[in-house]
């Protein structure tokens, strides 16, 4: 697991761990990044399935409740099958764009 910080965003990259192991390790490291927007980069994993994304749902809900973004970057999954509260995009650029849009919404108080 590699954590890269930039301004108020932490990008957490999983290189080769199984998703369940990665989530457990992420929970251990969460205190160090809890005040940042978080991007979970799973792009390097070849076999990510829809059900793997659900492993992140509790942490995503908790983090988003603190008015911080939690975005997962993964490809090859069925985005429409995922819960609406889980933000999953296919590229890092889209993750950064989504965080920027969510910050604007929070600033304008458009959040649900």
N, C-alpha and C. Protein backbone atom coordinates (compact mmCIF):
# COMPACT_ATOMS: atom_id res chain seq x y z
N UNK A 1 0.85 -1.17 0.00
CA UNK A 1 0.00 0.00 0.00
C UNK A 1 0.90 1.24 0.00
N UNK A 2 0.62 2.14 -0.92
CA UNK A 2 1.39 3.37 -1.05
C UNK A 2 0.44 4.55 -0.82
N UNK A 3 0.83 5.47 0.07
CA UNK A 3 0.02 6.66 0.33
C UNK A 3 0.80 7.87 -0.17
N UNK A 4 0.15 8.64 -1.06
CA UNK A 4 0.74 9.86 -1.60
C UNK A 4 -0.17 11.01 -1.22
N UNK A 5 0.40 12.03 -0.57
CA UNK A 5 -0.40 13.19 -0.15
C UNK A 5 -0.11 14.38 -1.06
N UNK A 6 -1.18 15.09 -1.39
CA UNK A 6 -1.07 16.30 -2.17
C UNK A 6 -2.13 17.27 -1.66
N UNK A 7 -1.70 18.39 -1.11
CA UNK A 7 -2.61 19.36 -0.51
C UNK A 7 -3.50 18.67 0.51
N UNK A 8 -4.80 18.64 0.26
CA UNK A 8 -5.75 18.05 1.21
C UNK A 8 -6.31 16.72 0.70
N UNK A 9 -5.55 16.05 -0.16
CA UNK A 9 -5.99 14.78 -0.73
C UNK A 9 -4.91 13.72 -0.54
N UNK A 10 -5.33 12.53 -0.13
CA UNK A 10 -4.42 11.39 -0.04
C UNK A 10 -4.84 10.36 -1.07
N UNK A 11 -3.87 9.91 -1.86
CA UNK A 11 -4.12 8.84 -2.82
C UNK A 11 -3.51 7.58 -2.24
N UNK A 12 -4.35 6.58 -2.04
CA UNK A 12 -3.91 5.31 -1.47
C UNK A 12 -3.94 4.27 -2.59
N UNK A 13 -2.77 3.76 -2.93
CA UNK A 13 -2.64 2.84 -4.06
C UNK A 13 -2.41 1.43 -3.57
N UNK A 14 -3.19 0.52 -4.10
CA UNK A 14 -3.02 -0.90 -3.83
C UNK A 14 -2.28 -1.50 -5.00
N UNK A 15 -1.12 -2.07 -4.73
CA UNK A 15 -0.36 -2.64 -5.82
C UNK A 15 -0.77 -4.07 -6.14
N UNK A 16 -0.77 -4.95 -5.15
CA UNK A 16 -1.05 -6.35 -5.47
C UNK A 16 -1.81 -7.11 -4.39
N UNK A 17 -2.29 -6.43 -3.39
CA UNK A 17 -3.01 -7.10 -2.30
C UNK A 17 -4.43 -7.46 -2.72
N UNK A 18 -4.97 -8.48 -2.10
CA UNK A 18 -6.40 -8.77 -2.26
C UNK A 18 -7.16 -7.61 -1.63
N UNK A 19 -8.32 -7.32 -2.15
CA UNK A 19 -9.09 -6.16 -1.69
C UNK A 19 -9.39 -6.25 -0.19
N UNK A 20 -9.76 -7.41 0.31
CA UNK A 20 -10.07 -7.53 1.73
C UNK A 20 -8.84 -7.23 2.60
N UNK A 21 -7.66 -7.68 2.18
CA UNK A 21 -6.42 -7.38 2.91
C UNK A 21 -6.10 -5.89 2.83
N UNK A 22 -6.34 -5.31 1.67
CA UNK A 22 -6.08 -3.89 1.47
C UNK A 22 -6.98 -3.04 2.37
N UNK A 23 -8.25 -3.41 2.47
CA UNK A 23 -9.19 -2.66 3.32
C UNK A 23 -8.74 -2.75 4.78
N UNK A 24 -8.30 -3.91 5.21
CA UNK A 24 -7.83 -4.07 6.59
C UNK A 24 -6.61 -3.18 6.85
N UNK A 25 -5.69 -3.14 5.90
CA UNK A 25 -4.50 -2.30 6.05
C UNK A 25 -4.88 -0.81 6.00
N UNK A 26 -5.86 -0.48 5.17
CA UNK A 26 -6.34 0.90 5.07
C UNK A 26 -6.95 1.35 6.39
N UNK A 27 -7.70 0.47 7.03
CA UNK A 27 -8.28 0.81 8.34
C UNK A 27 -7.20 1.14 9.35
N UNK A 28 -6.09 0.39 9.31
CA UNK A 28 -4.98 0.64 10.22
C UNK A 28 -4.33 2.00 9.96
N UNK A 29 -4.29 2.42 8.70
CA UNK A 29 -3.63 3.67 8.33
C UNK A 29 -4.60 4.86 8.31
N UNK A 30 -5.86 4.62 8.57
CA UNK A 30 -6.88 5.66 8.41
C UNK A 30 -6.63 6.91 9.25
N UNK A 31 -6.14 6.76 10.47
CA UNK A 31 -5.91 7.93 11.33
C UNK A 31 -4.96 8.94 10.70
N UNK A 32 -4.03 8.47 9.89
CA UNK A 32 -3.07 9.37 9.25
C UNK A 32 -3.68 10.17 8.09
N UNK A 33 -4.79 9.70 7.54
CA UNK A 33 -5.37 10.36 6.37
C UNK A 33 -6.82 10.80 6.58
N UNK A 34 -7.33 10.65 7.78
CA UNK A 34 -8.76 10.89 8.03
C UNK A 34 -9.21 12.33 7.79
N UNK A 35 -8.29 13.28 7.80
CA UNK A 35 -8.65 14.68 7.58
C UNK A 35 -8.53 15.10 6.11
N UNK A 36 -8.14 14.18 5.26
CA UNK A 36 -7.96 14.46 3.83
C UNK A 36 -9.13 13.90 3.02
N UNK A 37 -9.26 14.38 1.80
CA UNK A 37 -10.09 13.68 0.82
C UNK A 37 -9.28 12.43 0.46
N UNK A 38 -9.96 11.33 0.22
CA UNK A 38 -9.26 10.07 -0.04
C UNK A 38 -9.61 9.55 -1.42
N UNK A 39 -8.57 9.19 -2.17
CA UNK A 39 -8.73 8.49 -3.44
C UNK A 39 -8.11 7.12 -3.26
N UNK A 40 -8.90 6.09 -3.49
CA UNK A 40 -8.42 4.71 -3.43
C UNK A 40 -8.11 4.28 -4.86
N UNK A 41 -6.84 4.03 -5.15
CA UNK A 41 -6.44 3.67 -6.51
C UNK A 41 -6.28 2.16 -6.62
N UNK A 42 -7.24 1.53 -7.29
CA UNK A 42 -7.20 0.08 -7.50
C UNK A 42 -6.89 -0.24 -8.96
N UNK A 43 -6.42 0.74 -9.70
CA UNK A 43 -6.24 0.61 -11.14
C UNK A 43 -5.26 -0.50 -11.51
N UNK A 44 -4.28 -0.77 -10.67
CA UNK A 44 -3.27 -1.77 -11.00
C UNK A 44 -3.74 -3.20 -10.76
N UNK A 45 -4.91 -3.37 -10.14
CA UNK A 45 -5.43 -4.71 -9.90
C UNK A 45 -6.24 -5.15 -11.12
N UNK A 46 -5.87 -6.28 -11.68
CA UNK A 46 -6.53 -6.75 -12.90
C UNK A 46 -7.94 -7.28 -12.65
N UNK A 47 -8.13 -7.97 -11.55
CA UNK A 47 -9.43 -8.60 -11.30
C UNK A 47 -10.14 -7.96 -10.12
N UNK A 48 -10.76 -6.83 -10.37
CA UNK A 48 -11.60 -6.20 -9.36
C UNK A 48 -13.04 -6.48 -9.77
N UNK A 49 -13.81 -7.01 -8.85
CA UNK A 49 -15.20 -7.31 -9.15
C UNK A 49 -16.11 -6.38 -8.34
N UNK A 50 -17.35 -6.29 -8.77
CA UNK A 50 -18.30 -5.38 -8.14
C UNK A 50 -18.39 -5.59 -6.63
N UNK A 51 -18.40 -6.84 -6.20
CA UNK A 51 -18.55 -7.12 -4.77
C UNK A 51 -17.35 -6.63 -3.96
N UNK A 52 -16.17 -6.53 -4.60
CA UNK A 52 -14.99 -5.99 -3.91
C UNK A 52 -15.23 -4.55 -3.46
N UNK A 53 -15.96 -3.81 -4.27
CA UNK A 53 -16.21 -2.40 -3.97
C UNK A 53 -17.02 -2.24 -2.68
N UNK A 54 -17.88 -3.20 -2.39
CA UNK A 54 -18.72 -3.13 -1.19
C UNK A 54 -17.89 -3.19 0.09
N UNK A 55 -16.67 -3.72 0.01
CA UNK A 55 -15.76 -3.75 1.17
C UNK A 55 -15.46 -2.33 1.67
N UNK A 56 -15.50 -1.36 0.75
CA UNK A 56 -15.16 0.02 1.09
C UNK A 56 -16.36 0.82 1.59
N UNK A 57 -17.56 0.29 1.47
CA UNK A 57 -18.77 1.05 1.77
C UNK A 57 -18.82 1.60 3.20
N UNK A 58 -18.57 0.81 4.24
CA UNK A 58 -18.63 1.39 5.60
C UNK A 58 -17.63 2.54 5.80
N UNK A 59 -16.41 2.38 5.33
CA UNK A 59 -15.41 3.43 5.49
C UNK A 59 -15.80 4.66 4.66
N UNK A 60 -16.30 4.43 3.47
CA UNK A 60 -16.73 5.53 2.61
C UNK A 60 -17.86 6.33 3.28
N UNK A 61 -18.85 5.63 3.81
CA UNK A 61 -19.97 6.31 4.47
C UNK A 61 -19.50 7.13 5.68
N UNK A 62 -18.61 6.55 6.47
CA UNK A 62 -18.09 7.24 7.65
C UNK A 62 -17.29 8.48 7.24
N UNK A 63 -16.46 8.34 6.22
CA UNK A 63 -15.61 9.45 5.78
C UNK A 63 -16.45 10.57 5.16
N UNK A 64 -17.41 10.21 4.36
CA UNK A 64 -18.26 11.20 3.69
C UNK A 64 -19.15 11.93 4.71
N UNK A 65 -19.49 11.26 5.80
CA UNK A 65 -20.28 11.91 6.85
C UNK A 65 -19.50 13.05 7.51
N UNK A 66 -18.17 13.00 7.39
CA UNK A 66 -17.31 14.06 7.93
C UNK A 66 -17.08 15.17 6.90
N UNK A 67 -17.87 15.14 5.83
CA UNK A 67 -17.79 16.14 4.75
C UNK A 67 -16.46 16.11 4.03
N UNK A 68 -15.96 14.91 3.81
CA UNK A 68 -14.74 14.68 3.04
C UNK A 68 -15.06 13.67 1.93
N UNK A 69 -14.39 13.82 0.80
CA UNK A 69 -14.63 12.93 -0.33
C UNK A 69 -13.90 11.61 -0.17
N UNK A 70 -14.51 10.55 -0.68
CA UNK A 70 -13.94 9.21 -0.69
C UNK A 70 -14.26 8.64 -2.06
N UNK A 71 -13.25 8.52 -2.92
CA UNK A 71 -13.46 8.10 -4.30
C UNK A 71 -12.57 6.91 -4.61
N UNK A 72 -13.12 5.93 -5.30
CA UNK A 72 -12.38 4.73 -5.69
C UNK A 72 -12.13 4.78 -7.19
N UNK A 73 -10.90 4.51 -7.59
CA UNK A 73 -10.55 4.42 -9.01
C UNK A 73 -10.39 2.95 -9.36
N UNK A 74 -11.26 2.47 -10.23
CA UNK A 74 -11.21 1.07 -10.66
C UNK A 74 -11.84 0.97 -12.04
N UNK A 75 -11.35 0.03 -12.82
CA UNK A 75 -11.93 -0.17 -14.15
C UNK A 75 -12.44 -1.60 -14.27
N UNK A 76 -13.28 -1.82 -15.25
CA UNK A 76 -13.77 -3.16 -15.51
C UNK A 76 -14.87 -3.63 -14.58
N UNK A 77 -15.55 -2.70 -13.92
CA UNK A 77 -16.66 -3.09 -13.05
C UNK A 77 -17.95 -2.47 -13.57
N UNK A 78 -19.06 -2.95 -13.08
CA UNK A 78 -20.37 -2.43 -13.47
C UNK A 78 -20.77 -1.33 -12.51
N UNK A 79 -20.50 -0.09 -12.90
CA UNK A 79 -20.75 1.05 -12.02
C UNK A 79 -22.23 1.15 -11.63
N UNK A 80 -23.12 0.78 -12.53
CA UNK A 80 -24.55 0.91 -12.26
C UNK A 80 -25.04 -0.10 -11.21
N UNK A 81 -24.26 -1.14 -10.94
CA UNK A 81 -24.65 -2.13 -9.94
C UNK A 81 -24.22 -1.75 -8.52
N UNK A 82 -23.44 -0.69 -8.41
CA UNK A 82 -22.92 -0.27 -7.11
C UNK A 82 -23.91 0.65 -6.41
N UNK A 83 -23.89 0.69 -5.08
CA UNK A 83 -24.76 1.62 -4.35
C UNK A 83 -24.43 3.06 -4.72
N UNK A 84 -25.44 3.90 -4.74
CA UNK A 84 -25.26 5.31 -5.12
C UNK A 84 -24.28 6.04 -4.21
N UNK A 85 -24.21 5.67 -2.94
CA UNK A 85 -23.35 6.39 -2.01
C UNK A 85 -21.86 6.04 -2.17
N UNK A 86 -21.55 5.08 -3.03
CA UNK A 86 -20.16 4.71 -3.28
C UNK A 86 -19.71 5.35 -4.59
N UNK A 87 -18.70 6.21 -4.50
CA UNK A 87 -18.19 6.93 -5.67
C UNK A 87 -17.05 6.13 -6.29
N UNK A 88 -17.28 5.61 -7.50
CA UNK A 88 -16.27 4.85 -8.22
C UNK A 88 -16.14 5.43 -9.62
N UNK A 89 -14.90 5.73 -10.02
CA UNK A 89 -14.63 6.31 -11.33
C UNK A 89 -13.50 5.52 -12.00
N UNK A 90 -13.38 5.62 -13.33
CA UNK A 90 -12.37 4.81 -14.04
C UNK A 90 -10.96 5.41 -14.10
N UNK A 91 -10.77 6.70 -13.78
CA UNK A 91 -9.43 7.29 -13.88
C UNK A 91 -9.13 8.21 -12.69
N UNK A 92 -7.85 8.42 -12.45
CA UNK A 92 -7.44 9.34 -11.39
C UNK A 92 -7.88 10.76 -11.67
N UNK A 93 -7.84 11.18 -12.93
CA UNK A 93 -8.27 12.53 -13.27
C UNK A 93 -9.74 12.73 -12.91
N UNK A 94 -10.56 11.72 -13.21
CA UNK A 94 -11.99 11.82 -12.86
C UNK A 94 -12.17 11.87 -11.34
N UNK A 95 -11.33 11.18 -10.60
CA UNK A 95 -11.40 11.22 -9.14
C UNK A 95 -11.11 12.63 -8.63
N UNK A 96 -10.07 13.25 -9.17
CA UNK A 96 -9.73 14.62 -8.78
C UNK A 96 -10.85 15.59 -9.17
N UNK A 97 -11.41 15.39 -10.37
CA UNK A 97 -12.52 16.25 -10.82
C UNK A 97 -13.73 16.10 -9.91
N UNK A 98 -14.03 14.88 -9.51
CA UNK A 98 -15.18 14.62 -8.63
C UNK A 98 -14.97 15.29 -7.27
N UNK A 99 -13.77 15.20 -6.74
CA UNK A 99 -13.48 15.85 -5.45
C UNK A 99 -13.66 17.35 -5.58
N UNK A 100 -13.19 17.92 -6.66
CA UNK A 100 -13.35 19.36 -6.88
C UNK A 100 -14.83 19.75 -6.95
N UNK A 101 -15.63 18.95 -7.65
CA UNK A 101 -17.07 19.22 -7.74
C UNK A 101 -17.73 19.09 -6.37
N UNK A 102 -17.36 18.06 -5.61
CA UNK A 102 -17.95 17.87 -4.29
C UNK A 102 -17.55 19.01 -3.34
N UNK A 103 -16.33 19.52 -3.46
CA UNK A 103 -15.93 20.65 -2.62
C UNK A 103 -16.77 21.89 -2.94
N UNK A 104 -17.03 22.11 -4.21
CA UNK A 104 -17.87 23.24 -4.61
C UNK A 104 -19.28 23.06 -4.05
N UNK A 105 -19.82 21.85 -4.14
CA UNK A 105 -21.15 21.59 -3.60
C UNK A 105 -21.19 21.82 -2.09
N UNK A 106 -20.15 21.38 -1.39
CA UNK A 106 -20.10 21.60 0.06
C UNK A 106 -20.01 23.09 0.37
N UNK A 107 -19.20 23.82 -0.39
CA UNK A 107 -19.06 25.26 -0.17
C UNK A 107 -20.38 25.98 -0.39
N UNK A 108 -21.16 25.50 -1.37
CA UNK A 108 -22.45 26.12 -1.67
C UNK A 108 -23.60 25.49 -0.88
N UNK A 109 -23.25 24.51 -0.06
CA UNK A 109 -24.24 23.80 0.78
C UNK A 109 -25.29 23.05 -0.02
N UNK A 110 -24.86 22.41 -1.12
CA UNK A 110 -25.77 21.64 -1.95
C UNK A 110 -25.81 20.17 -1.59
N UNK A 111 -25.09 19.76 -0.58
CA UNK A 111 -25.06 18.35 -0.22
C UNK A 111 -26.39 17.91 0.32
N UNK A 112 -26.65 16.62 0.15
CA UNK A 112 -27.91 16.02 0.64
C UNK A 112 -27.92 15.91 2.13
